[in-house]
C-alpha cells in the first residue's frame, strides 16, 4: 500500500488543531458561518495541491489563515451581485489586510464561536452538532456517529442551524453577564460532547483522538478563565482533567487496549489529578455540596484517581454517585457504568440484573460477557461477545474483544471437555 505523504499528515494535523481557530477568526470578520467554512475548505484544498510540491510551510496556520482570507475575498467577489455591496466592500478591505491574528485575539474568537454555536434559540441537538462540526472539524458522518443520528439528518440539522444564525442575526460575541445563565449549560454540554467525541469514539482506527481531546480541554480552560467563579465550568474542567489523566495508561506498548482494572496507575498524570480534584472541591464548595452532572462524573473519576489499585476502589461510593447522576440526568452510559460498579460492589449477578434495563449495544454486550465469565459461564460470554463484535467499535476495541472471545472460547471448550470426562 502506498504510504500517505508527510505533507498530507501535516495538513491533516494542522486542520484538526488549528481549523477551529482559523474558522473563528473568519466568522468574526465575515459574520457568516457558512461563508467562513467554505473559505477554510477551499484553503485546505489549495494546501493539498501546494504542500506536496512546495513542502509544508514554516507556519502552517498562518499559511492557511492567509489563504482562507483570500478564498473568502474570492467568494465575496463572485457574489457581488447580491445586496449589501457596501458591507461587502468593508469586508473585502478587512479580509485583504496582511496581518495574522495574535493568540489572544484567536482565543477571544474561539469563545465567541463557542457561544454562537450555543445560542439558546438553537435547538439543543443543533448546538451540539454545530459545535462538533465547527469547533472540532468532524465530518457530518462523524457528527452523526457521535450524536447517534443519521448522516442525512445531521446534514439537515447543520444547514438549519447555520440558516438560523444568519436569518435571526445571532450575534457573534461572548454574552453580557446577565445573559450567561441561559447560555452556560449549553456551552458546558458542548465542551463535554467535544471531549467525549475524542475520548470514546464510536468507531475508527484509534482508541482516542488526542487532538480532539486537547481542543476540548483548551475550550474548557478558556471557559473557566472567562468565568472563574462559576461552578459548572470548573466542574467540566475538573472532569476532563481527571479523565485525561488516565490516557497514558489506556494503551500498552503494542497499542492494544488496557482495561481500567489492569492499568498501571503510576502512568496516570498526577499533576492533572491534583488540579482536577482541587477544581472539583472548589466548585462543590460554591454549590454547597449540591452537585450538577459534571461534578458528579468528576467525583466518580476522583474516586478512581484516589484508589491505589482497582481492588481498593470505594465501589459503594461509586454506586452512590451513579445513583445520584441517574436521578438528575438519566442516560444509557450512566446506567451501564452503574451496573459495572454494582457488579464490583455486590457481585456479578447484581450487575447482570441491572444490565437488563440497559439498551443493547456493543459496550453493554462486552460488559455482559465479562460478568457472565465471572459466573463461570464462558459459552454464554462468547455469545455476548459475538453480539458486541457485530456492532460498531474502534479497531482497538475490536481487537481486544476478539482476543477476549478467543480466551473465553478456550475456557468454554475446557468446560465441555471436563463435563465429558466426568460423565464418562
Protein backbone atom coordinates (compact mmCIF):
# COMPACT_ATOMS: atom_id res chain seq x y z
CA UNK A 1 0.00 0.00 0.00
CA UNK A 2 1.30 3.44 -0.92
CA UNK A 3 2.21 5.48 2.18
CA UNK A 4 0.40 8.77 2.79
CA UNK A 5 2.69 11.74 2.05
CA UNK A 6 4.02 13.50 5.11
CA UNK A 7 2.67 16.82 3.77
CA UNK A 8 -0.83 15.40 3.95
CA UNK A 9 -0.19 14.24 7.52
CA UNK A 10 0.97 17.73 8.48
CA UNK A 11 -2.03 19.31 6.77
CA UNK A 12 -4.48 16.96 8.50
CA UNK A 13 -2.96 17.73 11.89
CA UNK A 14 -2.90 21.48 11.24
CA UNK A 15 -6.52 21.47 10.15
CA UNK A 16 -7.60 19.43 13.18
CA UNK A 17 -5.64 21.55 15.66
CA UNK A 18 -5.90 24.99 14.04
CA UNK A 19 -9.00 24.73 11.87
CA UNK A 20 -11.39 25.98 14.55
CA UNK A 21 -9.14 28.98 15.27
CA UNK A 22 -8.95 29.92 11.60
CA UNK A 23 -12.69 29.49 11.23
CA UNK A 24 -13.43 31.50 14.38
CA UNK A 25 -11.40 34.46 13.13
CA UNK A 26 -13.06 34.36 9.72
CA UNK A 27 -16.54 34.20 11.25
CA UNK A 28 -15.74 37.35 13.23
CA UNK A 29 -14.71 39.08 10.02
CA UNK A 30 -17.42 37.96 7.62
CA UNK A 31 -20.25 37.33 10.09
CA UNK A 32 -21.33 34.23 8.19
CA UNK A 33 -20.53 30.71 9.43
CA UNK A 34 -21.23 29.10 6.05
CA UNK A 35 -19.06 31.56 4.12
CA UNK A 36 -16.21 31.09 6.60
CA UNK A 37 -16.49 27.28 6.38
CA UNK A 38 -16.42 27.42 2.57
CA UNK A 39 -13.33 29.63 2.62
CA UNK A 40 -11.48 27.36 5.06
CA UNK A 41 -12.41 24.31 2.99
CA UNK A 42 -11.09 25.94 -0.19
CA UNK A 43 -7.88 26.83 1.64
CA UNK A 44 -7.46 23.19 2.67
CA UNK A 45 -7.96 22.06 -0.93
CA UNK A 46 -5.32 24.59 -2.03
CA UNK A 47 -2.90 23.27 0.60
CA UNK A 48 -3.46 19.69 -0.55
CA UNK A 49 -2.34 20.76 -4.01
CA UNK A 50 0.52 23.03 -2.97
CA UNK A 51 2.23 21.44 0.03
CA UNK A 52 3.27 18.18 -1.64
CA UNK A 53 5.09 20.31 -4.24
CA UNK A 54 6.46 23.20 -2.17
CA UNK A 55 6.74 21.45 1.18
CA UNK A 56 4.98 22.25 4.43
CA UNK A 57 5.39 25.98 5.20
CA UNK A 58 7.22 27.01 8.38
CA UNK A 59 3.95 28.45 9.80
CA UNK A 60 1.14 26.20 8.54
CA UNK A 61 -1.55 28.02 10.50
CA UNK A 62 -0.51 31.41 9.10
CA UNK A 63 -0.45 29.94 5.56
CA UNK A 64 -3.95 28.54 5.96
CA UNK A 65 -5.25 31.73 7.58
CA UNK A 66 -4.00 33.98 4.78
CA UNK A 67 -5.20 31.57 2.12
CA UNK A 68 -8.63 31.26 3.72
CA UNK A 69 -8.91 35.04 3.77
CA UNK A 70 -8.10 35.19 0.07
CA UNK A 71 -10.66 32.49 -0.64
CA UNK A 72 -13.25 34.48 1.30
CA UNK A 73 -12.42 37.51 -0.85
CA UNK A 74 -12.89 35.39 -3.98
CA UNK A 75 -16.25 34.11 -2.73
CA UNK A 76 -17.46 37.62 -1.91
CA UNK A 77 -16.36 38.93 -5.29
CA UNK A 78 -18.19 36.10 -7.02
CA UNK A 79 -21.31 37.10 -5.13
CA UNK A 80 -21.06 40.88 -5.59
CA UNK A 81 -24.37 40.80 -7.49
CA UNK A 82 -26.22 40.29 -4.24
CA UNK A 83 -27.35 43.21 -1.98
CA UNK A 84 -25.29 44.75 0.85
CA UNK A 85 -22.50 45.82 -1.51
CA UNK A 86 -21.33 48.49 0.95
CA UNK A 87 -20.93 45.87 3.66
CA UNK A 88 -19.11 43.57 1.24
CA UNK A 89 -16.69 46.36 0.34
CA UNK A 90 -15.84 46.83 4.01
CA UNK A 91 -15.38 43.10 4.42
CA UNK A 92 -13.09 42.95 1.43
CA UNK A 93 -10.91 45.68 2.87
CA UNK A 94 -10.58 43.85 6.19
CA UNK A 95 -10.02 40.45 4.59
CA UNK A 96 -7.21 41.82 2.41
CA UNK A 97 -5.30 43.02 5.48
CA UNK A 98 -2.00 41.11 5.63
CA UNK A 99 -1.78 40.54 9.38
CA UNK A 100 -2.36 37.19 11.09
CA UNK A 101 -4.30 37.45 14.38
CA UNK A 102 -2.43 37.03 17.66
CA UNK A 103 -3.08 34.14 20.03
CA UNK A 104 -5.06 36.43 22.35
CA UNK A 105 -7.33 37.53 19.51
CA UNK A 106 -7.78 33.92 18.40
CA UNK A 107 -8.67 32.90 21.96
CA UNK A 108 -11.41 35.54 22.08
CA UNK A 109 -12.63 34.49 18.63
CA UNK A 110 -12.92 30.89 19.82
CA UNK A 111 -15.01 31.90 22.80
CA UNK A 112 -17.27 33.92 20.53
CA UNK A 113 -17.70 30.92 18.26
CA UNK A 114 -18.49 28.63 21.20
CA UNK A 115 -21.22 30.96 22.42
CA UNK A 116 -22.57 31.48 18.90
CA UNK A 117 -22.91 27.70 18.48
CA UNK A 118 -24.73 27.55 21.83
CA UNK A 119 -27.25 30.34 21.38
CA UNK A 120 -30.49 29.46 23.23
CA UNK A 121 -32.63 29.95 20.11
CA UNK A 122 -30.92 26.94 18.52
CA UNK A 123 -32.30 23.51 19.38
CA UNK A 124 -30.11 21.55 21.84
CA UNK A 125 -29.26 18.85 19.29
CA UNK A 126 -28.38 21.54 16.74
CA UNK A 127 -25.99 23.22 19.21
CA UNK A 128 -24.05 20.01 19.78
CA UNK A 129 -23.96 19.11 16.08
CA UNK A 130 -22.84 22.60 15.03
CA UNK A 131 -20.15 22.71 17.70
CA UNK A 132 -18.79 19.28 16.78
CA UNK A 133 -18.66 20.37 13.13
CA UNK A 134 -17.22 23.85 13.56
CA UNK A 135 -15.12 23.61 16.72
CA UNK A 136 -13.82 20.10 16.20
CA UNK A 137 -13.77 19.77 12.42
CA UNK A 138 -15.67 16.48 12.49
CA UNK A 139 -17.34 15.48 9.25
CA UNK A 140 -21.15 15.16 9.13
CA UNK A 141 -20.67 11.37 9.21
CA UNK A 142 -18.54 11.61 12.35
CA UNK A 143 -21.00 14.00 13.98
CA UNK A 144 -23.81 11.57 13.16
CA UNK A 145 -21.90 8.72 14.83
CA UNK A 146 -21.25 10.71 18.00
CA UNK A 147 -24.83 12.01 18.26
CA UNK A 148 -26.38 8.65 17.32
CA UNK A 149 -28.11 10.13 14.29
CA UNK A 150 -28.05 9.53 10.53
CA UNK A 151 -25.69 11.48 8.28
CA UNK A 152 -28.62 12.87 6.28
CA UNK A 153 -30.40 14.10 9.42
CA UNK A 154 -27.16 15.61 10.71
CA UNK A 155 -26.52 17.49 7.45
CA UNK A 156 -30.05 18.93 7.56
CA UNK A 157 -29.60 19.90 11.22
CA UNK A 158 -26.35 21.71 10.42
CA UNK A 159 -27.91 23.56 7.48
CA UNK A 160 -30.88 24.70 9.57
CA UNK A 161 -28.58 25.87 12.38
CA UNK A 162 -26.43 27.96 10.01
CA UNK A 163 -29.53 29.46 8.41
CA UNK A 164 -30.96 30.33 11.81
CA UNK A 165 -27.75 32.10 12.83
CA UNK A 166 -27.82 34.12 9.59
CA UNK A 167 -31.53 34.97 9.42
CA UNK A 168 -32.04 35.60 13.13
CA UNK A 169 -28.94 37.78 13.31
CA UNK A 170 -27.49 35.81 16.22
CA UNK A 171 -24.59 37.96 17.43
CA UNK A 172 -21.05 36.65 17.26
CA UNK A 173 -19.89 37.62 20.75
CA UNK A 174 -19.46 36.49 24.33
CA UNK A 175 -22.79 37.27 26.04
CA UNK A 176 -23.25 40.00 28.61
CA UNK A 177 -23.09 38.81 32.24
CA UNK A 178 -26.89 38.77 32.64
CA UNK A 179 -27.18 36.51 29.56
CA UNK A 180 -24.73 33.86 30.73
CA UNK A 181 -27.04 31.74 32.93
CA UNK A 182 -29.21 30.87 29.92
CA UNK A 183 -26.21 30.05 27.74
CA UNK A 184 -23.79 28.37 30.13
CA UNK A 185 -25.39 24.90 30.40
CA UNK A 186 -25.40 24.55 26.60
CA UNK A 187 -21.78 25.70 26.34
CA UNK A 188 -20.69 23.22 29.01
CA UNK A 189 -22.65 20.44 27.31
CA UNK A 190 -20.92 21.18 24.00
CA UNK A 191 -17.43 21.21 25.54
CA UNK A 192 -18.17 17.90 27.25
CA UNK A 193 -19.53 16.44 23.99
CA UNK A 194 -16.37 17.52 22.18
CA UNK A 195 -14.22 15.73 24.72
CA UNK A 196 -16.39 12.62 24.60
CA UNK A 197 -16.05 12.55 20.81
CA UNK A 198 -12.28 12.33 21.21
CA UNK A 199 -12.09 10.20 24.35
CA UNK A 200 -14.57 7.49 23.36
CA UNK A 201 -15.10 7.44 19.57
CA UNK A 202 -17.78 5.10 18.28
CA UNK A 203 -15.60 3.62 15.56
CA UNK A 204 -12.42 4.28 13.58
CA UNK A 205 -8.82 3.09 13.86
CA UNK A 206 -7.84 4.78 17.14
CA UNK A 207 -8.94 4.28 20.73
CA UNK A 208 -8.99 8.05 21.21
CA UNK A 209 -8.21 11.26 19.32
CA UNK A 210 -5.52 13.24 21.12
CA UNK A 211 -6.14 16.43 19.13
CA UNK A 212 -9.89 16.46 19.74
CA UNK A 213 -9.38 15.87 23.47
CA UNK A 214 -6.78 18.64 23.61
CA UNK A 215 -9.11 21.06 21.83
CA UNK A 216 -11.92 20.29 24.29
CA UNK A 217 -9.53 20.83 27.20
CA UNK A 218 -8.42 24.17 25.72
CA UNK A 219 -12.05 25.29 25.41
CA UNK A 220 -12.77 24.16 28.97
CA UNK A 221 -9.76 26.16 30.19
CA UNK A 222 -10.93 29.24 28.28
CA UNK A 223 -14.43 28.94 29.71
CA UNK A 224 -13.08 28.60 33.25
CA UNK A 225 -10.83 31.63 32.70
CA UNK A 226 -13.82 33.62 31.48
CA UNK A 227 -15.99 32.56 34.45
CA UNK A 228 -13.61 31.56 37.27
CA UNK A 229 -16.28 31.79 39.99
CA UNK A 230 -18.93 29.73 38.18
CA UNK A 231 -19.09 26.14 39.47
CA UNK A 232 -20.29 24.48 36.26
CA UNK A 233 -17.27 25.36 34.05
CA UNK A 234 -14.98 24.37 36.94
CA UNK A 235 -16.78 21.03 37.19
CA UNK A 236 -16.44 20.41 33.46
CA UNK A 237 -12.74 21.22 33.53
CA UNK A 238 -12.25 19.00 36.60
CA UNK A 239 -14.00 16.11 34.85
CA UNK A 240 -11.90 16.48 31.70
CA UNK A 241 -8.63 16.72 33.63
CA UNK A 242 -9.39 13.69 35.81
CA UNK A 243 -10.37 11.66 32.74
CA UNK A 244 -7.47 12.81 30.57
CA UNK A 245 -5.03 11.98 33.39
CA UNK A 246 -5.61 8.27 32.70
CA UNK A 247 -4.92 8.44 28.96
CA UNK A 248 -1.18 7.47 29.13
CA UNK A 249 -2.16 4.08 30.60
CA UNK A 250 -5.05 3.27 28.24
CA UNK A 251 -2.83 1.52 25.67
CA UNK A 252 0.12 -0.83 26.09
CA UNK A 253 3.40 -0.66 24.16
CA UNK A 254 1.79 -2.52 21.23
CA UNK A 255 -1.11 -0.10 21.01
CA UNK A 256 -3.61 -2.56 22.49
CA UNK A 257 -6.33 -1.54 24.94
CA UNK A 258 -5.66 -1.87 28.66
CA UNK A 259 -8.87 -2.05 30.74
CA UNK A 260 -9.10 0.28 33.72
CA UNK A 261 -8.66 -2.57 36.20
CA UNK A 262 -5.34 -3.56 34.59
CA UNK A 263 -3.88 -0.08 34.06
CA UNK A 264 -0.54 0.93 35.56
CA UNK A 265 -1.68 3.77 37.81
CA UNK A 266 1.87 5.00 38.04
CA UNK A 267 1.43 6.21 34.46
CA UNK A 268 -1.55 8.40 35.34
CA UNK A 269 -0.78 12.13 35.28
CA UNK A 270 -0.52 13.09 38.96
CA UNK A 271 -0.46 16.84 38.26
CA UNK A 272 -3.70 16.64 36.26
CA UNK A 273 -5.32 14.60 39.03
CA UNK A 274 -4.26 17.09 41.69
CA UNK A 275 -5.60 20.05 39.74
CA UNK A 276 -8.79 18.24 38.80
CA UNK A 277 -9.61 17.27 42.39
CA UNK A 278 -8.83 20.80 43.59
CA UNK A 279 -11.18 22.28 40.98
CA UNK A 280 -13.87 19.77 41.91
CA UNK A 281 -13.59 20.55 45.63
CA UNK A 282 -13.72 24.30 44.99
CA UNK A 283 -16.73 24.01 42.72
CA UNK A 284 -18.61 21.83 45.22
CA UNK A 285 -17.98 24.43 47.92
CA UNK A 286 -19.66 27.04 45.74
CA UNK A 287 -22.74 24.84 45.30
CA UNK A 288 -22.76 23.80 48.99
CA UNK A 289 -22.45 20.14 48.02
CA UNK A 290 -25.38 20.18 45.56
CA UNK A 291 -23.60 18.61 42.60
CA UNK A 292 -24.51 19.01 38.93
CA UNK A 293 -23.98 16.31 36.31
CA UNK A 294 -20.36 17.28 35.63
CA UNK A 295 -19.41 17.46 39.28
CA UNK A 296 -20.94 14.02 39.86
CA UNK A 297 -19.00 12.50 36.97
CA UNK A 298 -15.85 14.23 38.15
CA UNK A 299 -16.47 12.83 41.64
CA UNK A 300 -16.57 9.30 40.19
CA UNK A 301 -13.30 9.96 38.36
CA UNK A 302 -11.80 11.29 41.60
CA UNK A 303 -12.73 8.08 43.46
CA UNK A 304 -10.83 6.09 40.83
CA UNK A 305 -7.90 8.52 40.99
CA UNK A 306 -7.59 8.15 44.77
CA UNK A 307 -7.61 4.35 44.72
CA UNK A 308 -4.07 2.91 44.63
CA UNK A 309 -5.38 -0.14 42.77
CA UNK A 310 -8.63 -1.44 41.27
CA UNK A 311 -9.48 -3.69 44.23
CA UNK A 312 -9.11 -0.76 46.65
CA UNK A 313 -11.71 1.36 44.84
CA UNK A 314 -14.59 2.53 47.04
CA UNK A 315 -17.25 0.81 44.95
CA UNK A 316 -20.22 1.59 47.23
CA UNK A 317 -19.36 5.29 46.85
CA UNK A 318 -19.16 4.93 43.06
CA UNK A 319 -22.59 3.25 43.05
CA UNK A 320 -23.98 6.05 45.23
CA UNK A 321 -22.63 8.71 42.86
CA UNK A 322 -24.11 6.96 39.82
CA UNK A 323 -27.45 6.71 41.60
CA UNK A 324 -27.37 10.48 42.08
CA UNK A 325 -26.31 11.03 38.47
CA UNK A 326 -29.15 8.88 37.15
CA UNK A 327 -31.61 10.81 39.31
CA UNK A 328 -30.65 14.16 37.77
CA UNK A 329 -29.56 13.14 34.26
CA UNK A 330 -30.61 9.62 33.21
CA UNK A 331 -28.55 8.15 30.37
CA UNK A 332 -27.66 4.75 28.99
CA UNK A 333 -23.96 5.41 29.58
CA UNK A 334 -24.53 6.19 33.27
CA UNK A 335 -26.78 3.14 33.67
CA UNK A 336 -24.10 0.91 32.14
CA UNK A 337 -21.41 2.37 34.39
CA UNK A 338 -23.65 1.86 37.44
CA UNK A 339 -24.11 -1.81 36.51
CA UNK A 340 -20.31 -2.23 36.33
CA UNK A 341 -19.85 -0.55 39.72
CA UNK A 342 -22.65 -2.63 41.26
CA UNK A 343 -21.01 -5.82 40.00
CA UNK A 344 -17.80 -4.78 41.74
CA UNK A 345 -19.60 -3.88 44.95
CA UNK A 346 -22.20 -6.66 45.15
CA UNK A 347 -21.18 -9.37 42.70
CA UNK A 348 -21.66 -10.28 39.04
CA UNK A 349 -25.28 -11.39 39.49
CA UNK A 350 -26.28 -7.95 40.79
CA UNK A 351 -24.55 -6.27 37.85
CA UNK A 352 -26.18 -8.61 35.32
CA UNK A 353 -29.62 -7.86 36.75
CA UNK A 354 -29.08 -4.14 36.16
CA UNK A 355 -27.86 -4.75 32.60
CA UNK A 356 -31.35 -6.00 31.72
CA UNK A 357 -32.51 -2.36 31.90
CA UNK A 358 -29.68 -1.04 29.67
CA UNK A 359 -30.41 -0.97 25.92
CA UNK A 360 -28.40 -3.47 23.90
CA UNK A 361 -25.22 -2.17 22.28
CA UNK A 362 -21.60 -3.23 21.74
CA UNK A 363 -20.27 -1.84 25.01
CA UNK A 364 -23.19 -3.19 27.03
CA UNK A 365 -22.74 -6.62 25.41
CA UNK A 366 -19.00 -6.57 26.17
CA UNK A 367 -19.71 -5.81 29.84
CA UNK A 368 -22.29 -8.59 29.91
CA UNK A 369 -19.70 -11.02 28.54
CA UNK A 370 -17.27 -10.21 31.35
CA UNK A 371 -19.89 -10.64 34.06
CA UNK A 372 -21.04 -13.95 32.57
CA UNK A 373 -17.43 -15.12 32.53
CA UNK A 374 -17.15 -14.28 36.23
CA UNK A 375 -20.11 -16.55 36.87
CA UNK A 376 -18.30 -19.44 35.17
CA UNK A 377 -20.45 -19.27 32.03
CA UNK A 378 -17.85 -18.91 29.25
CA UNK A 379 -20.13 -20.20 26.47
CA UNK A 380 -22.74 -17.55 27.29
CA UNK A 381 -19.96 -14.98 27.48
CA UNK A 382 -18.79 -15.94 23.99
CA UNK A 383 -22.30 -15.39 22.63
CA UNK A 384 -22.45 -11.96 24.31
CA UNK A 385 -19.11 -11.02 22.75
CA UNK A 386 -20.38 -12.16 19.35
CA UNK A 387 -23.19 -9.65 19.80
CA UNK A 388 -20.66 -6.97 20.75
CA UNK A 389 -18.49 -7.73 17.72
CA UNK A 390 -21.49 -7.40 15.40
CA UNK A 391 -21.80 -3.68 16.19
CA UNK A 392 -19.59 -0.62 15.60
CA UNK A 393 -16.32 -0.33 17.50
CA UNK A 394 -12.90 1.22 17.18
CA UNK A 395 -10.21 -1.05 15.77
CA UNK A 396 -8.58 -1.15 19.22
CA UNK A 397 -11.83 -2.20 20.90
CA UNK A 398 -12.47 -4.84 18.23
CA UNK A 399 -9.00 -6.38 18.66
CA UNK A 400 -9.48 -6.51 22.43
CA UNK A 401 -12.88 -8.19 22.11
CA UNK A 402 -11.61 -10.70 19.56
CA UNK A 403 -8.73 -11.70 21.85
CA UNK A 404 -11.08 -11.95 24.80
CA UNK A 405 -13.52 -14.05 22.78
CA UNK A 406 -10.72 -16.48 21.85
CA UNK A 407 -9.81 -16.83 25.55
CA UNK A 408 -13.41 -17.46 26.55
CA UNK A 409 -13.91 -19.93 23.70
CA UNK A 410 -10.95 -21.93 25.02
CA UNK A 411 -12.46 -21.80 28.51
CA UNK A 412 -15.81 -22.97 27.14
CA UNK A 413 -14.14 -25.88 25.34
CA UNK A 414 -12.37 -26.83 28.56
CA UNK A 415 -15.65 -26.83 30.47
CA UNK A 416 -17.21 -29.11 27.82
CA UNK A 417 -14.22 -31.48 27.89
CA UNK A 418 -14.30 -31.63 31.68
CA UNK A 419 -18.00 -32.41 31.55
CA UNK A 420 -17.43 -35.27 29.13
CA UNK A 421 -14.72 -36.76 31.32
CA UNK A 422 -16.98 -36.54 34.36
CA UNK A 423 -19.92 -38.14 32.55
CA UNK A 424 -17.64 -40.85 31.11
